[in-house]
Amino acid sequence: MSSTSALPRHADAGPRLADATPGRAHRSLPPQANAARVAGRFRGDLATEQWWWSPELHDLLGVPAGTVRPTVQLLLSHVHDDDRSALREALLVAGTTGTAFAREYRVQRGDGAARSLLLVCEPELDASGTVLALAGLAVDVTEGRPPAAEDTTVRSLQTEVEQLRSAMASRAAIEQAKGILMVLMSCGDQVAFDLLAHISSHTHRKVREVAVLIIDSASGRAPLPDDVREILHDASPPAHSA
């Protein structure tokens, strides 16, 4: 099939296999959802051009794990002709602007069976807002939609997707805030996270809320609240004191 050269940083270029699973875990679907649907995870690093699929995603597409290297071309080759351009465009926008998406696509497995997958993609950004990777879930929504319960099933699935997106957005914000603190404090990843947790505990805010405050301050959108600023001031090394 044709190349998806429109993706940024050659994210779809030549087949390469990620050496390890992605470091960020994803929220598990509830037991009742797993009974009717199967979810596979994916992650594509835009800098190294390495893509990783979980064994479940290989199974969903009917592609035995270890026999081929996961790539964007391989994914798109299993997407229905009428849906392929839309998915390619969604991946392009996500990789360029960091815009998340959750859409349903028709796919054809390696054994010829047709399935419907809900693809949930949450770009991973660094502290400057640059897209580092595309990660998310592919959920099999082919089954479990009897007519009498269709509305309820759809609403339930939409709720799951929103919860997933919220969880992934929280992780993205925390990672960005950690990056800012690592530069500000000249510290490592763990120390930066410990500082976020310390601020959260002493200001009675959630870690994600603290992360957003730090991101907004670094980007000039809003000043830090006094209590957060004081803790950061006390924690800053002399060369970086505010």
Protein backbone atom coordinates (compact mmCIF):
# COMPACT_ATOMS: atom_id res chain seq x y z
CA MET A 1 0.00 0.00 0.00
CA SER A 2 1.09 3.63 -0.30
CA SER A 3 3.35 5.24 2.26
CA THR A 4 1.96 7.54 4.94
CA SER A 5 4.77 10.04 4.47
CA ALA A 6 2.58 12.88 5.76
CA LEU A 7 3.21 11.91 9.37
CA PRO A 8 5.69 14.23 11.17
CA ARG A 9 9.26 13.20 11.88
CA HIS A 10 8.87 10.20 9.58
CA ALA A 11 6.82 8.43 12.23
CA ASP A 12 5.60 5.99 9.56
CA ALA A 13 8.92 5.43 7.85
CA GLY A 14 10.59 2.05 7.36
CA PRO A 15 9.64 -0.87 9.57
CA ARG A 16 11.24 -0.82 12.97
CA LEU A 17 10.46 -2.69 16.14
CA ALA A 18 10.50 -1.00 19.54
CA ASP A 19 12.91 -2.64 21.94
CA ALA A 20 10.58 -2.45 24.91
CA THR A 21 7.04 -1.74 25.92
CA PRO A 22 6.16 1.91 26.59
CA GLY A 23 6.96 3.16 30.06
CA ARG A 24 3.51 4.59 30.74
CA ALA A 25 0.80 2.16 31.78
CA HIS A 26 -2.74 2.65 30.51
CA ARG A 27 -5.94 2.35 32.49
CA SER A 28 -7.46 -1.11 32.31
CA LEU A 29 -10.98 -1.39 31.05
CA PRO A 30 -13.47 -2.55 33.70
CA PRO A 31 -14.20 -6.31 33.88
CA GLN A 32 -17.64 -5.92 32.29
CA ALA A 33 -16.09 -4.14 29.31
CA ASN A 34 -13.36 -6.76 28.90
CA ALA A 35 -16.01 -9.45 28.73
CA ALA A 36 -17.46 -7.91 25.55
CA ARG A 37 -14.48 -6.03 24.11
CA VAL A 38 -10.78 -6.54 23.70
CA ALA A 39 -8.36 -3.61 23.92
CA GLY A 40 -4.87 -3.43 22.46
CA ARG A 41 -2.29 -0.75 23.24
CA PHE A 42 0.13 1.05 20.94
CA ARG A 43 2.89 3.64 21.11
CA GLY A 44 4.93 5.27 18.39
CA ASP A 45 8.05 7.30 19.22
CA LEU A 46 8.29 10.10 16.64
CA ALA A 47 11.98 10.74 17.28
CA THR A 48 13.24 7.16 16.98
CA GLU A 49 10.52 6.08 14.53
CA GLN A 50 9.90 2.99 16.68
CA TRP A 51 6.39 1.62 17.12
CA TRP A 52 5.18 -0.88 19.68
CA TRP A 53 1.95 -2.88 19.75
CA SER A 54 0.73 -4.96 22.65
CA PRO A 55 -0.02 -8.65 21.99
CA GLU A 56 -3.74 -7.79 22.16
CA LEU A 57 -3.43 -5.34 19.27
CA HIS A 58 -1.60 -7.94 17.21
CA ASP A 59 -4.49 -10.31 17.95
CA LEU A 60 -7.12 -7.71 17.05
CA LEU A 61 -5.54 -7.24 13.62
CA GLY A 62 -4.78 -10.93 13.14
CA VAL A 63 -1.06 -10.23 12.85
CA PRO A 64 1.05 -12.72 14.87
CA ALA A 65 3.39 -10.91 17.24
CA GLY A 66 7.05 -11.28 16.34
CA THR A 67 6.42 -12.05 12.67
CA VAL A 68 6.39 -8.42 11.46
CA ARG A 69 7.49 -5.07 12.80
CA PRO A 70 4.60 -2.75 13.76
CA THR A 71 4.41 0.37 11.59
CA VAL A 72 1.83 2.94 10.59
CA GLN A 73 1.72 1.39 7.11
CA LEU A 74 0.88 -1.99 8.60
CA LEU A 75 -1.93 -0.52 10.70
CA LEU A 76 -3.39 1.41 7.77
CA SER A 77 -3.19 -1.63 5.52
CA HIS A 78 -5.80 -3.30 7.73
CA VAL A 79 -8.14 -0.29 7.77
CA HIS A 80 -11.18 -0.25 5.47
CA ASP A 81 -10.56 1.66 2.24
CA ASP A 82 -13.28 4.19 3.07
CA ASP A 83 -11.81 4.87 6.54
CA ARG A 84 -8.10 4.84 5.74
CA SER A 85 -7.67 8.48 4.70
CA ALA A 86 -9.55 9.71 7.79
CA LEU A 87 -7.29 7.74 10.12
CA ARG A 88 -4.18 8.87 8.28
CA GLU A 89 -5.30 12.49 8.63
CA ALA A 90 -6.14 12.06 12.34
CA LEU A 91 -2.66 10.62 13.01
CA LEU A 92 -1.06 13.46 11.05
CA VAL A 93 -2.91 16.12 13.05
CA ALA A 94 -2.16 14.35 16.35
CA GLY A 95 1.54 14.07 15.52
CA THR A 96 1.78 17.68 14.36
CA THR A 97 -0.42 19.61 16.78
CA GLY A 98 -0.78 17.21 19.72
CA THR A 99 -4.55 16.94 19.22
CA ALA A 100 -6.04 13.80 20.76
CA PHE A 101 -8.80 11.87 19.04
CA ALA A 102 -11.17 8.95 19.61
CA ARG A 103 -12.88 7.55 16.53
CA GLU A 104 -14.27 4.29 15.24
CA TYR A 105 -12.73 2.60 12.20
CA ARG A 106 -13.48 -0.56 10.28
CA VAL A 107 -10.61 -2.98 9.89
CA GLN A 108 -9.99 -6.31 8.24
CA ARG A 109 -7.98 -8.85 10.19
CA GLY A 110 -5.23 -10.91 8.67
CA ASP A 111 -7.65 -13.85 8.45
CA GLY A 112 -10.15 -11.74 6.49
CA ALA A 113 -12.61 -11.16 9.34
CA ALA A 114 -14.10 -7.64 9.51
CA ARG A 115 -14.07 -5.82 12.86
CA SER A 116 -14.86 -2.35 14.19
CA LEU A 117 -12.22 -0.73 16.39
CA LEU A 118 -12.46 2.40 18.49
CA LEU A 119 -9.03 4.02 18.27
CA VAL A 120 -8.15 6.35 21.15
CA CYS A 121 -4.96 8.34 20.61
CA GLU A 122 -3.34 10.69 23.14
CA PRO A 123 -0.13 12.39 21.96
CA GLU A 124 2.69 12.64 24.51
CA LEU A 125 4.20 16.14 24.73
CA ASP A 126 7.36 17.54 26.27
CA ALA A 127 7.49 20.69 28.40
CA SER A 128 7.64 22.90 25.30
CA GLY A 129 4.55 21.29 23.76
CA THR A 130 6.47 19.31 21.11
CA VAL A 131 4.83 15.97 20.30
CA LEU A 132 7.16 13.14 21.33
CA ALA A 133 4.98 10.10 20.70
CA LEU A 134 1.52 8.86 19.80
CA ALA A 135 0.05 6.41 22.30
CA GLY A 136 -3.34 4.96 23.10
CA LEU A 137 -5.77 2.08 22.77
CA ALA A 138 -7.61 0.21 20.04
CA VAL A 139 -10.84 -1.22 21.46
CA ASP A 140 -12.88 -3.90 19.66
CA VAL A 141 -16.46 -2.60 19.61
CA THR A 142 -17.81 -5.08 17.06
CA GLU A 143 -19.73 -7.17 19.57
CA GLY A 144 -21.99 -6.31 22.49
CA ARG A 145 -24.36 -3.96 20.69
CA PRO A 146 -27.80 -5.59 20.71
CA PRO A 147 -30.48 -3.17 19.36
CA ALA A 148 -32.42 -2.97 22.63
CA ALA A 149 -29.34 -1.93 24.58
CA GLU A 150 -27.53 0.04 21.89
CA ASP A 151 -27.95 3.49 23.48
CA THR A 152 -26.82 2.26 26.89
CA THR A 153 -23.83 0.46 25.40
CA VAL A 154 -22.75 3.49 23.41
CA ARG A 155 -23.07 5.77 26.45
CA SER A 156 -21.08 3.29 28.53
CA LEU A 157 -18.34 3.15 25.92
CA GLN A 158 -18.26 6.94 25.63
CA THR A 159 -17.85 7.17 29.40
CA GLU A 160 -14.96 4.71 29.29
CA VAL A 161 -13.29 6.71 26.54
CA GLU A 162 -13.67 9.99 28.43
CA GLN A 163 -12.24 8.40 31.56
CA LEU A 164 -9.33 7.06 29.56
CA ARG A 165 -8.68 10.40 27.90
CA SER A 166 -8.85 12.17 31.26
CA ALA A 167 -6.34 9.74 32.77
CA MET A 168 -3.97 10.09 29.82
CA ALA A 169 -4.30 13.88 29.86
CA SER A 170 -3.36 13.85 33.55
CA ARG A 171 -0.24 11.83 32.79
CA ALA A 172 0.69 14.19 29.95
CA ALA A 173 0.35 17.25 32.21
CA ILE A 174 2.42 15.62 34.94
CA GLU A 175 5.16 14.68 32.46
CA GLN A 176 5.29 18.26 31.14
CA ALA A 177 5.45 19.71 34.66
CA LYS A 178 8.21 17.27 35.60
CA GLY A 179 10.21 18.43 32.60
CA ILE A 180 9.85 22.05 33.66
CA LEU A 181 10.93 21.26 37.23
CA MET A 182 13.90 19.21 36.01
CA VAL A 183 15.17 22.29 34.14
CA LEU A 184 14.27 24.73 36.93
CA MET A 185 15.74 22.65 39.75
CA SER A 186 18.53 20.91 37.84
CA CYS A 187 17.20 17.63 39.17
CA GLY A 188 16.26 14.20 37.90
CA ASP A 189 12.91 12.67 36.96
CA GLN A 190 12.17 11.12 40.36
CA VAL A 191 13.08 14.24 42.33
CA ALA A 192 10.83 16.32 40.07
CA PHE A 193 7.90 13.97 40.67
CA ASP A 194 8.59 13.92 44.42
CA LEU A 195 8.46 17.72 44.40
CA LEU A 196 5.11 17.65 42.60
CA ALA A 197 3.79 15.23 45.20
CA HIS A 198 5.20 17.41 48.01
CA ILE A 199 3.47 20.52 46.64
CA SER A 200 0.25 18.55 46.19
CA SER A 201 0.33 17.37 49.81
CA HIS A 202 1.11 20.76 51.31
CA THR A 203 -1.31 22.81 49.22
CA HIS A 204 -4.16 20.28 49.29
CA ARG A 205 -4.32 20.11 45.49
CA LYS A 206 -4.29 17.11 43.22
CA VAL A 207 -0.96 16.34 41.54
CA ARG A 208 -2.49 17.03 38.12
CA GLU A 209 -3.78 20.43 39.31
CA VAL A 210 -0.30 21.34 40.54
CA ALA A 211 1.16 20.22 37.22
CA VAL A 212 -1.25 22.41 35.25
CA LEU A 213 -0.42 25.43 37.47
CA ILE A 214 3.29 24.96 36.77
CA ILE A 215 2.71 24.55 33.02
CA ASP A 216 0.51 27.65 32.88
CA SER A 217 3.12 29.66 34.78
CA ALA A 218 5.98 28.47 32.54
CA SER A 219 4.00 29.35 29.42
CA GLY A 220 3.03 32.78 30.77
CA ARG A 221 -0.69 32.04 30.85
CA ALA A 222 -1.10 32.60 34.58
CA PRO A 223 1.06 33.32 37.65
CA LEU A 224 1.69 30.67 40.26
CA PRO A 225 -0.46 30.83 43.41
CA ASP A 226 1.49 32.17 46.38
CA ASP A 227 1.56 28.87 48.29
CA VAL A 228 2.96 26.96 45.31
CA ARG A 229 5.46 29.72 44.55
CA GLU A 230 6.75 29.70 48.14
CA ILE A 231 7.39 25.96 48.12
CA LEU A 232 9.20 26.17 44.78
CA HIS A 233 11.23 29.12 46.04
CA ASP A 234 12.32 27.16 49.13
CA ALA A 235 13.16 24.10 47.01
CA SER A 236 15.12 25.98 44.33
CA PRO A 237 18.91 25.77 44.37
CA PRO A 238 20.63 29.16 44.91
CA ALA A 239 21.46 29.60 41.23
CA HIS A 240 17.80 29.27 40.32
CA SER A 241 16.19 31.11 43.21
CA ALA A 242 13.16 33.20 42.20
